[in-house]
Protein backbone atom coordinates (compact mmCIF):
# COMPACT_ATOMS: atom_id res chain seq x y z
CA MET A 1 115.14 105.32 -152.34
CA LYS A 2 118.16 107.06 -153.87
CA ILE A 3 118.44 104.36 -156.51
CA LEU A 4 114.77 104.51 -157.45
CA LYS A 5 114.75 108.32 -157.51
CA SER A 6 117.80 108.31 -159.74
CA ILE A 7 115.94 106.28 -162.38
CA SER A 8 114.08 108.25 -165.05
CA VAL A 9 111.09 106.36 -166.44
CA GLU A 10 111.65 108.00 -169.82
CA ASN A 11 115.06 106.30 -170.02
CA LEU A 12 113.56 102.83 -169.53
CA LYS A 13 113.13 101.91 -173.16
CA ASP A 14 113.03 98.17 -172.57
CA GLU A 15 109.52 96.87 -171.80
CA SER A 16 110.80 94.30 -169.30
CA ASN A 17 112.67 97.00 -167.34
CA ARG A 18 109.56 99.18 -167.25
CA ALA A 19 107.43 96.28 -166.01
CA TYR A 20 109.94 95.42 -163.29
CA TYR A 21 110.33 99.09 -162.31
CA ASN A 22 106.54 99.44 -161.97
CA LEU A 23 106.39 96.28 -159.88
CA LEU A 24 109.06 97.73 -157.58
CA MET A 25 107.16 101.02 -157.38
CA THR A 26 103.95 99.23 -156.39
CA GLN A 27 105.94 97.18 -153.91
CA ALA A 28 107.46 100.34 -152.41
CA SER A 29 104.16 102.16 -151.97
CA HIS A 30 102.63 99.07 -150.31
CA VAL A 31 105.52 98.12 -148.00
CA LEU A 32 106.06 101.71 -146.87
CA TYR A 33 102.32 102.38 -146.54
CA MET A 34 102.24 105.14 -149.10
CA SER A 35 99.15 105.89 -151.17
CA PRO A 36 98.56 103.01 -153.59
CA MET A 37 99.70 103.30 -157.20
CA PRO A 38 97.02 103.63 -159.92
CA ASP A 39 95.46 100.30 -160.95
CA SER A 40 96.83 100.74 -164.48
CA ILE A 41 100.41 100.38 -163.19
CA ILE A 42 99.98 96.94 -161.60
CA ASN A 43 97.63 95.81 -164.40
CA GLY A 44 100.40 96.64 -166.87
CA CYS A 45 102.78 94.43 -164.88
CA ILE A 46 100.29 91.54 -164.90
CA GLU A 47 99.76 91.96 -168.63
CA TYR A 48 103.51 91.89 -169.32
CA TYR A 49 104.30 88.90 -167.08
CA THR A 50 101.35 86.98 -168.52
CA LYS A 51 102.62 87.61 -172.04
CA HIS A 52 106.23 86.87 -171.04
CA TYR A 53 105.35 84.17 -168.53
CA ASP A 54 106.92 84.57 -165.09
CA ALA A 55 104.96 82.77 -162.34
CA GLU A 56 106.87 84.31 -159.44
CA LYS A 57 106.41 87.90 -160.62
CA LEU A 58 102.76 87.20 -161.45
CA ALA A 59 102.27 85.96 -157.89
CA LYS A 60 103.77 89.19 -156.58
CA ALA A 61 101.78 91.38 -158.98
CA TYR A 62 98.47 89.73 -158.09
CA TYR A 63 99.33 89.94 -154.40
CA TYR A 64 99.86 93.70 -154.65
CA LYS A 65 96.75 94.09 -156.76
CA GLY A 66 94.80 92.27 -154.05
CA ALA A 67 96.37 94.48 -151.36
CA ILE A 68 95.48 97.64 -153.31
CA PHE A 69 91.85 96.55 -153.67
CA TYR A 70 91.72 95.66 -149.98
CA GLU A 71 93.05 99.08 -148.98
CA LYS A 72 90.33 100.65 -151.13
CA GLY A 73 87.68 98.57 -149.35
CA ASN A 74 86.89 96.35 -152.35
CA ASN A 75 87.09 92.93 -150.70
CA ALA A 76 85.56 90.97 -153.59
CA GLU A 77 88.14 92.21 -156.11
CA ALA A 78 90.91 91.77 -153.51
CA ILE A 79 90.00 88.11 -153.00
CA THR A 80 89.81 87.49 -156.77
CA ALA A 81 93.29 88.94 -157.29
CA LEU A 82 94.73 87.02 -154.33
CA LYS A 83 93.24 83.74 -155.54
CA ASN A 84 94.91 84.32 -158.93
CA GLY A 85 98.15 85.07 -157.12
CA GLU A 86 97.78 81.86 -155.12
CA ILE A 87 97.76 79.83 -158.36
CA PHE A 88 101.01 81.35 -159.60
CA ALA A 89 102.69 81.22 -156.19
CA LYS A 90 102.06 77.46 -156.08
CA LYS A 91 103.35 77.04 -159.62
CA ALA A 92 106.49 78.98 -158.69
CA LYS A 93 106.73 76.94 -155.44
CA ASN A 94 107.45 80.20 -153.65
CA LYS A 95 106.65 79.55 -149.99
CA ASN A 96 107.05 83.22 -149.06
CA ALA A 97 104.48 84.26 -151.64
CA ILE A 98 102.12 81.44 -150.63
CA HIS A 99 102.43 82.54 -147.01
CA HIS A 100 101.65 86.19 -147.57
CA ILE A 101 98.79 85.60 -149.97
CA ALA A 102 97.23 83.13 -147.50
CA GLU A 103 97.92 85.59 -144.66
CA LEU A 104 96.04 88.42 -146.37
CA LEU A 105 93.18 86.10 -147.37
CA ALA A 106 92.91 85.01 -143.72
CA PHE A 107 92.97 88.64 -142.58
CA ILE A 108 90.22 89.75 -145.01
CA ASN A 109 87.99 86.80 -144.13
CA LEU A 110 88.55 87.38 -140.40
CA LYS A 111 87.49 91.02 -140.74
CA ASN A 112 84.35 89.97 -142.59
CA GLY A 113 83.40 87.22 -140.14
CA ASN A 114 84.10 84.32 -142.53
CA TYR A 115 85.82 82.39 -139.77
CA ASN A 116 86.07 78.92 -141.35
CA THR A 117 87.64 80.31 -144.52
CA ALA A 118 89.90 82.55 -142.45
CA LEU A 119 91.02 79.53 -140.40
CA LYS A 120 91.81 77.55 -143.55
CA TYR A 121 94.10 80.26 -144.90
CA ALA A 122 95.63 81.02 -141.51
CA HIS A 123 96.77 77.38 -141.26
CA ILE A 124 98.19 77.54 -144.81
CA ALA A 125 100.14 80.63 -143.79
CA LEU A 126 101.34 78.95 -140.58
CA ASN A 127 102.49 75.81 -142.42
CA ASN A 128 104.58 77.92 -144.80
CA SER A 129 105.98 79.98 -141.92
CA ILE A 130 107.15 76.75 -140.28
CA ALA A 131 108.55 75.48 -143.61
CA THR A 132 110.63 78.66 -144.02
CA ASN A 133 111.48 78.73 -140.27
CA ASN A 134 110.46 82.39 -140.05
CA LYS A 135 109.96 82.84 -136.31
CA SER A 136 108.18 86.17 -136.43
CA TRP A 137 105.73 84.88 -139.04
CA ILE A 138 105.03 81.81 -136.89
CA VAL A 139 104.13 83.99 -133.90
CA GLU A 140 102.03 86.24 -136.10
CA ASP A 141 100.12 83.31 -137.64
CA LEU A 142 99.49 81.67 -134.26
CA ASN A 143 98.18 85.00 -133.06
CA ARG A 144 95.84 85.26 -136.04
CA ILE A 145 94.46 81.75 -135.48
CA SER A 146 93.80 82.74 -131.85
CA ALA A 147 91.87 85.79 -133.10
CA ILE A 148 89.78 83.64 -135.44
CA PHE A 149 88.80 81.25 -132.66
CA ALA A 150 88.01 84.26 -130.46
CA GLY A 151 85.68 85.48 -133.20
CA GLN A 152 83.94 82.10 -133.08
CA SER A 153 83.66 82.35 -129.27
CA LYS A 154 85.82 79.23 -128.91
CA ALA A 155 87.70 80.40 -125.83
CA ASP A 156 89.71 77.23 -125.17
CA SER A 157 91.10 77.05 -128.71
CA SER A 158 91.74 80.78 -128.77
CA ASP A 159 93.65 80.62 -125.46
CA TYR A 160 95.66 77.63 -126.68
CA TYR A 161 96.98 79.41 -129.77
CA MET A 162 97.60 82.62 -127.85
CA ASN A 163 99.68 80.65 -125.31
CA GLU A 164 101.59 78.93 -128.13
CA ALA A 165 102.35 82.33 -129.63
CA LEU A 166 103.48 83.69 -126.27
CA LYS A 167 105.90 80.76 -125.83
CA LYS A 168 107.64 81.76 -129.06
CA THR A 169 107.74 85.49 -128.33
CA LYS A 170 111.22 85.13 -126.85
CA ASP A 171 112.47 84.52 -130.40
CA LEU A 172 111.20 87.89 -131.63
CA PRO A 173 113.31 91.04 -131.93
CA GLN A 174 112.46 93.75 -129.40
CA LYS A 175 110.38 95.86 -131.80
CA LEU A 176 108.13 92.93 -132.63
CA LYS A 177 107.87 92.02 -128.95
CA VAL A 178 106.36 95.47 -128.30
CA GLU A 179 103.68 94.90 -130.93
CA PHE A 180 102.93 91.36 -129.87
CA TYR A 181 102.79 92.06 -126.14
CA THR A 182 100.42 94.94 -126.86
CA ASN A 183 98.30 92.64 -128.98
CA ALA A 184 98.30 89.99 -126.23
CA SER A 185 97.22 92.67 -123.76
CA ILE A 186 94.29 93.59 -126.00
CA TYR A 187 93.35 89.93 -126.37
CA TYR A 188 93.21 89.38 -122.60
CA PHE A 189 91.37 92.67 -122.10
CA ASN A 190 88.68 91.54 -124.54
CA THR A 191 88.34 88.20 -122.74
CA ASN A 192 88.01 90.02 -119.41
CA LYS A 193 91.30 88.66 -118.02
CA LEU A 194 92.45 92.03 -116.77
CA ALA A 195 95.41 90.79 -114.72
CA GLU A 196 96.94 89.12 -117.80
CA SER A 197 96.07 92.14 -119.93
CA LYS A 198 97.84 94.44 -117.50
CA LYS A 199 100.86 92.14 -117.37
CA TYR A 200 101.46 92.27 -121.13
CA ALA A 201 100.69 95.97 -121.48
CA LEU A 202 103.40 96.63 -118.89
CA LYS A 203 105.79 94.20 -120.64
CA SER A 204 105.30 96.16 -123.85
CA LEU A 205 105.84 99.53 -122.17
CA ASN A 206 108.95 98.24 -120.37
CA ILE A 207 110.56 97.68 -123.76
CA GLN A 208 109.34 100.80 -125.54
CA GLN A 209 106.65 103.47 -125.22
CA SER A 210 103.60 102.50 -127.26
CA GLU A 211 100.44 104.58 -127.61
CA ARG A 212 98.29 101.46 -127.97
CA ALA A 213 99.75 99.87 -124.85
CA GLN A 214 99.22 103.13 -122.95
CA THR A 215 95.59 103.22 -124.11
CA ILE A 216 94.83 99.66 -123.04
CA LEU A 217 96.63 100.13 -119.71
CA GLY A 218 94.64 103.32 -119.16
CA ALA A 219 91.44 101.34 -119.73
CA ILE A 220 92.58 98.75 -117.20
CA TYR A 221 93.44 101.38 -114.58
CA TYR A 222 89.99 102.90 -115.04
CA SER A 223 88.41 99.47 -114.60
CA GLU A 224 90.27 99.29 -111.28
CA GLY A 225 88.89 102.65 -110.21
CA GLU A 226 92.13 104.59 -110.80
CA THR A 227 90.54 107.26 -112.99
CA GLU A 228 93.28 109.89 -112.73
CA ARG A 229 96.00 107.37 -113.48
CA ALA A 230 93.98 106.19 -116.49
CA LEU A 231 93.52 109.73 -117.80
CA ASP A 232 97.25 110.45 -117.38
CA LEU A 233 98.08 107.55 -119.70
CA LEU A 234 95.42 108.53 -122.22
CA LYS A 235 96.77 112.09 -122.23
CA LYS A 236 100.17 110.70 -123.22
CA SER A 237 98.57 108.76 -126.08
CA ALA A 238 96.63 111.88 -127.08
CA SER A 239 99.90 113.82 -127.44
CA SER A 240 101.07 111.38 -130.13
CA ASN A 241 102.02 112.68 -133.57
CA ASN A 242 100.11 109.72 -134.96
CA LEU A 243 96.69 111.20 -135.68
CA GLU A 244 94.96 107.82 -135.49
CA HIS A 245 96.27 107.22 -131.96
CA LYS A 246 95.50 110.80 -130.96
CA ALA A 247 91.89 110.57 -132.20
CA GLU A 248 91.39 107.23 -130.44
CA ALA A 249 92.79 108.40 -127.10
CA LEU A 250 90.84 111.68 -127.13
CA SER A 251 87.66 109.83 -128.01
CA LEU A 252 88.15 107.43 -125.11
CA MET A 253 88.86 110.31 -122.74
CA SER A 254 85.64 111.91 -123.92
CA ASP A 255 83.82 108.66 -123.25
CA ILE A 256 85.15 108.59 -119.68
CA LYS A 257 84.06 112.17 -119.09
CA LYS A 258 80.58 111.39 -120.41
CA GLU A 259 80.38 108.44 -118.03
CA GLN A 260 81.31 110.81 -115.19
CA GLY A 261 78.62 113.26 -116.27
CA GLU A 262 81.18 115.97 -117.24
CA TYR A 263 79.52 116.80 -120.54
CA LYS A 264 81.30 120.10 -121.26
CA GLU A 265 84.73 118.50 -120.92
CA ALA A 266 83.52 115.49 -122.90
CA MET A 267 82.37 117.84 -125.66
CA LYS A 268 85.78 119.54 -125.85
CA LEU A 269 87.59 116.20 -126.04
CA ALA A 270 85.17 114.92 -128.68
CA GLU A 271 85.80 118.04 -130.76
CA ARG A 272 89.55 117.53 -130.52
CA SER A 273 89.15 113.87 -131.48
CA LYS A 274 87.03 114.85 -134.49
CA ALA A 275 89.60 117.48 -135.50
CA ALA A 276 92.40 114.89 -135.38
CA GLU A 277 90.29 112.48 -137.41
CA ASP A 278 89.50 115.18 -139.99
CA SER A 279 93.19 116.11 -140.20
CA MET A 280 94.04 112.46 -140.77
CA LYS A 281 91.50 112.21 -143.60
CA ALA A 282 92.63 115.50 -145.15
CA ARG A 283 96.26 114.43 -145.00
CA GLN A 284 95.41 111.11 -146.62
CA GLN A 285 93.45 112.82 -149.39
CA THR A 286 96.37 115.16 -150.06
CA GLU A 287 98.81 112.25 -150.14
CA ASP A 288 96.52 110.32 -152.48
CA MET A 289 96.27 113.27 -154.86
CA LEU A 290 100.00 113.94 -154.88
CA ALA A 291 100.81 110.27 -155.33
CA LEU A 292 98.40 109.99 -158.24
CA GLN A 293 99.81 113.08 -159.94
CA LYS A 294 103.37 111.85 -159.55
CA SER A 295 102.46 108.40 -160.81
CA ILE A 296 100.65 109.65 -163.88
CA GLU A 297 103.02 112.47 -164.78
CA LYS A 298 106.43 111.02 -163.96
CA GLU A 299 105.96 107.56 -162.43
CA GLU A 300 108.60 108.77 -160.01
CA ALA A 301 109.73 106.61 -157.09
CA VAL A 302 108.35 107.68 -153.77
CA LYS A 303 110.16 105.28 -151.47
CA ASN A 304 112.75 102.55 -151.25
CA ALA A 305 111.29 99.19 -152.27
CA GLY A 306 112.58 97.34 -149.22
CA GLN A 307 111.36 93.75 -148.90
CA TRP A 308 108.48 92.86 -151.18
CA MET A 309 106.32 91.39 -148.45
CA PRO A 310 104.81 93.37 -145.50
CA ALA A 311 106.80 93.53 -142.28
CA ALA A 312 105.66 91.25 -139.50
CA ALA A 313 105.42 94.18 -137.09
CA THR A 314 102.88 95.88 -139.34
CA ALA A 315 100.88 92.69 -139.72
CA ILE A 316 100.72 92.21 -135.94
CA ALA A 317 99.69 95.85 -135.49
CA ALA A 318 97.00 95.41 -138.14
CA LEU A 319 95.70 92.33 -136.33
CA ALA A 320 95.59 94.37 -133.12
CA ILE A 321 93.20 96.78 -134.88
CA ILE A 322 90.89 93.84 -135.67
CA ILE A 323 90.73 92.57 -132.12
CA ILE A 324 90.98 95.94 -130.44
CA ALA A 325 88.26 97.07 -128.19
CA ALA A 326 90.80 99.14 -126.33
CA ALA A 327 88.49 101.59 -124.65
CA VAL A 328 87.06 102.13 -121.25
CA TYR A 329 85.29 99.28 -119.51
CA HIS A 330 85.01 99.76 -115.80
CA ARG A 331 83.29 98.27 -112.80
CA LYS A 332 83.44 101.28 -110.52
CA LYS A 333 80.22 102.92 -109.37
CA MET A 334 79.15 105.59 -111.88
CA SER A 335 76.22 107.83 -112.74
CA ARG A 336 73.30 105.80 -114.00
CA ALA A 337 70.82 106.80 -116.69
CA ARG A 338 67.72 108.19 -115.14
CA ASN A 339 64.25 107.23 -116.29
CA LEU A 340 62.72 110.69 -116.08
CA MET A 341 59.22 109.66 -117.11
CA GLU A 342 59.18 106.94 -114.47
CA GLU A 343 60.25 109.44 -111.83
CA ASP A 344 57.54 111.84 -113.00
CA ARG A 345 54.87 109.15 -112.91
CA GLU A 346 55.87 108.29 -109.35
CA LYS A 347 55.56 111.95 -108.38
CA ILE A 348 52.15 112.25 -110.05
CA GLU A 349 50.95 109.12 -108.28
CA MET A 350 52.23 110.45 -104.96
CA TYR A 351 50.59 113.86 -105.47
CA THR A 352 47.32 112.21 -106.54
CA GLN A 353 47.28 110.05 -103.41
CA GLN A 354 47.95 113.12 -101.28
CA MET A 355 45.04 114.98 -102.91
CA GLU A 356 42.72 112.01 -102.37
CA SER A 357 43.78 111.81 -98.74
CA MET A 358 43.19 115.55 -98.26
CA ALA A 359 39.77 115.39 -99.91
CA ALA A 360 38.76 112.43 -97.72
CA SER A 361 39.85 114.19 -94.52
CA GLY A 362 36.82 116.46 -94.62
CA LYS A 363 38.98 119.49 -93.88
CA ASP A 364 39.30 122.55 -96.07
CA ARG A 365 42.51 121.73 -97.93
CA GLU A 366 41.56 123.40 -101.22
CA LYS A 367 44.67 125.57 -101.42
CA GLU A 368 46.98 122.62 -100.83
CA ILE A 369 45.09 120.50 -103.36
CA LYS A 370 45.35 123.34 -105.88
CA LYS A 371 49.12 123.49 -105.38
CA LEU A 372 49.43 119.73 -105.96
CA LYS A 373 47.30 119.98 -109.12
CA LYS A 374 49.63 122.73 -110.34
CA LYS A 375 52.63 120.49 -109.66
CA ILE A 376 51.04 117.70 -111.70
CA GLU A 377 50.28 120.11 -114.57
CA ASP A 378 53.89 121.36 -114.50
CA ILE A 379 55.21 117.79 -114.60
CA ARG A 380 53.02 116.92 -117.59
CA LYS A 381 53.99 120.12 -119.35
CA HIS A 382 57.65 119.34 -118.72
CA GLU A 383 57.17 115.80 -120.03
CA ALA A 384 55.65 117.15 -123.24
CA GLU A 385 58.51 119.64 -123.66
CA THR A 386 61.10 116.92 -123.01
CA VAL A 387 59.60 114.58 -125.60
CA SER A 388 59.29 117.43 -128.10
CA ARG A 389 62.93 118.33 -127.47
CA GLY A 390 63.95 114.67 -127.91
CA LYS A 391 62.02 114.48 -131.17
CA ARG A 392 63.79 117.58 -132.47
CA LEU A 393 67.18 116.19 -131.46
CA HIS A 394 66.36 112.89 -133.18
CA LYS A 395 65.56 114.75 -136.38
CA GLU A 396 68.82 116.72 -136.15
CA ILE A 397 71.06 113.68 -135.85
CA ALA A 398 69.09 111.75 -138.48
CA GLU A 399 69.78 114.61 -140.89
CA GLY A 400 73.54 114.64 -140.31
CA GLY A 401 73.97 116.35 -136.93
CA THR A 402 76.19 115.25 -134.04
CA THR A 403 76.01 115.28 -130.24
CA ILE A 404 79.27 117.14 -129.73
CA LYS A 405 77.54 120.18 -128.23
CA TRP A 406 74.73 118.33 -126.45
CA SER A 407 74.17 118.88 -122.74
CA LYS A 408 73.26 116.19 -120.24
CA ASP A 409 69.63 117.34 -120.51
CA ASP A 410 69.74 116.82 -124.28
CA PHE A 411 70.83 113.21 -123.87
CA GLU A 412 68.13 112.58 -121.29
CA ALA A 413 65.47 114.21 -123.50
CA PHE A 414 66.45 112.02 -126.43
CA ILE A 415 66.30 108.88 -124.28
CA GLU A 416 62.82 109.77 -123.01
CA TYR A 417 61.69 110.39 -126.59
CA PHE A 418 63.12 106.97 -127.51
CA ARG A 419 61.22 105.31 -124.64
CA ILE A 420 57.92 106.79 -125.86
CA GLU A 421 58.30 106.77 -129.66
CA TYR A 422 59.88 103.30 -129.74
CA ALA A 423 58.17 102.01 -126.60
CA GLU A 424 58.10 98.29 -127.41
CA LYS A 425 61.66 98.19 -128.75
CA ALA A 426 62.89 100.31 -125.84
CA ARG A 427 61.32 98.05 -123.21
CA GLU A 428 62.70 94.95 -124.91
CA ALA A 429 66.20 96.45 -125.24
CA GLU A 430 66.40 97.84 -121.70
CA SER A 431 65.03 94.64 -120.18
CA ARG A 432 68.05 92.74 -121.49
CA TYR A 433 70.58 94.89 -119.63
CA GLY A 434 71.45 95.87 -116.10
CA LYS A 435 71.71 99.50 -115.06
CA LEU A 436 73.25 101.52 -117.88
CA THR A 437 74.96 104.90 -117.90
CA THR A 438 73.34 107.68 -119.92
CA ASN A 439 76.07 107.34 -122.56
CA SER A 440 75.61 103.57 -122.91
CA LEU A 441 71.83 103.86 -122.97
CA PHE A 442 72.05 106.56 -125.65
CA ALA A 443 74.23 104.27 -127.78
CA LEU A 444 71.80 101.39 -127.19
CA SER A 445 68.92 103.60 -128.31
CA LEU A 446 70.73 104.47 -131.57
CA ILE A 447 71.47 100.81 -132.23
CA THR A 448 67.87 99.82 -131.43
CA ILE A 449 66.43 102.54 -133.67
CA GLY A 450 68.54 101.17 -136.52
CA PHE A 451 71.34 103.69 -137.10
CA SER A 452 74.36 102.17 -138.88
CA ASP A 453 77.77 101.94 -137.18
CA LYS A 454 79.01 104.72 -139.46
CA ASP A 455 76.09 106.95 -138.46
CA ILE A 456 76.57 106.22 -134.75
CA GLN A 457 80.27 107.12 -135.01
CA ARG A 458 79.29 110.43 -136.64
CA ILE A 459 76.45 111.15 -134.20
CA MET A 460 78.49 110.43 -131.08
CA ALA A 461 81.70 111.86 -132.55
CA ILE A 462 83.63 108.71 -131.69
CA THR A 463 86.11 106.49 -133.48
CA PRO A 464 85.32 102.94 -134.65
CA GLY A 465 87.38 101.65 -131.72
CA ALA A 466 85.30 103.62 -129.21
CA LEU A 467 82.08 102.25 -130.72
CA ARG A 468 83.43 98.71 -130.54
CA THR A 469 84.13 99.35 -126.85
CA ILE A 470 80.63 100.64 -126.18
CA LYS A 471 79.17 97.54 -127.85
CA TYR A 472 81.56 95.40 -125.83
CA ARG A 473 80.41 97.01 -122.59
CA LEU A 474 76.77 96.53 -123.58
CA LYS A 475 77.43 92.88 -124.33
CA LYS A 476 79.05 92.41 -120.92
CA GLN A 477 75.97 93.89 -119.22
CA ILE A 478 73.39 91.59 -120.78
CA ARG A 479 71.38 90.00 -117.99
CA ILE A 480 71.86 86.24 -117.74
CA GLU A 481 68.51 84.52 -117.41
CA ASN A 482 68.34 81.30 -115.40
């Protein structure tokens, strides 16, 4: 960093020095996870190294261009740049470059569900890891292949590659062991092998405290009925300075409280999670703006270049984000979603039968019959008010509102509205599942109505990880038909 900061761009008169300096700057911002440099910087490098042909530097430049596009969410442009980089990496016979380009192509395709393409590039990456005898890359690539097979629901193949990766974990430095053991814990959690998941979460925490490992272990404890122990771990994760981890842990704690029917506490935790998420976004926007200003005005170095390729620890952590469904899944008895309309219909039927019985008795039971009629009227009035309330709540969230301040009655009103307004879809959806909690049924109703994942995250004030967990729990509760 000192060397880069000591260099003044204005003093770099030679075009080749400027191109190399800009390549190092792009490298630094990527490796150290700073805000990406403007596209013009890396495009200038590509233009120079194309004119003054250098296959190895072109491979690097296209790799970073692909990484920048990926970070911006432009997968198509990222793949185009990486494919160009692949050509020059092969021409330069640079196995490191081939590995990392293939690694990122595998990662992008895995995220987008293109499993066959992801598998192709994951094997290319693995072959080059073996050729360079890079032990941490080998473990990382085996882990990625396991994740791809998991995405294809090929459990045997996924387990095989996970076991192969675990065999080689002994060759990793301690820091990488923490990341990999955490990732293995998440893998086994997702495949419902909770004993194995717990084993590797504890292995990770025995080496070093890790917010992700604490979160997954908290989820496991909750699945075992140890709610307080689970919340203690999540509280530790929620105290992290890492805003992403804080938001995730708070969101999961909120989810637990909702499942327990403690809606006020759930609301407070959801608000704190949202605040952490907003702070994270605001911080990122500030960093992006400052980085852009510095790049345009001075092209000043922001960090030491380090190694030009991403660290294996970061890659393993990134893969953990892909697989992660590290939120609460539990088997303990919990509050179930009530079908209020069904309860009301049963009451009306009971009251009607009582009135018929009284009328048939031949006795003067007019006052009692009148009271029962009043009860039926009150029930129907309450039903109408509930549906009206649910309709209003539906409109609010459809227009950008959230459920942060909703009460338990609000959730139940919305669900009853869903059962009436979307009757056929609701019956079909609910018939596929066992007994659901109010929170899970609410999420199912949003999915069934057609809200996008982004909208559901906003509405429920949860992180992407928490939504993945809810979907995971729903999937696990699908009734198996003989």
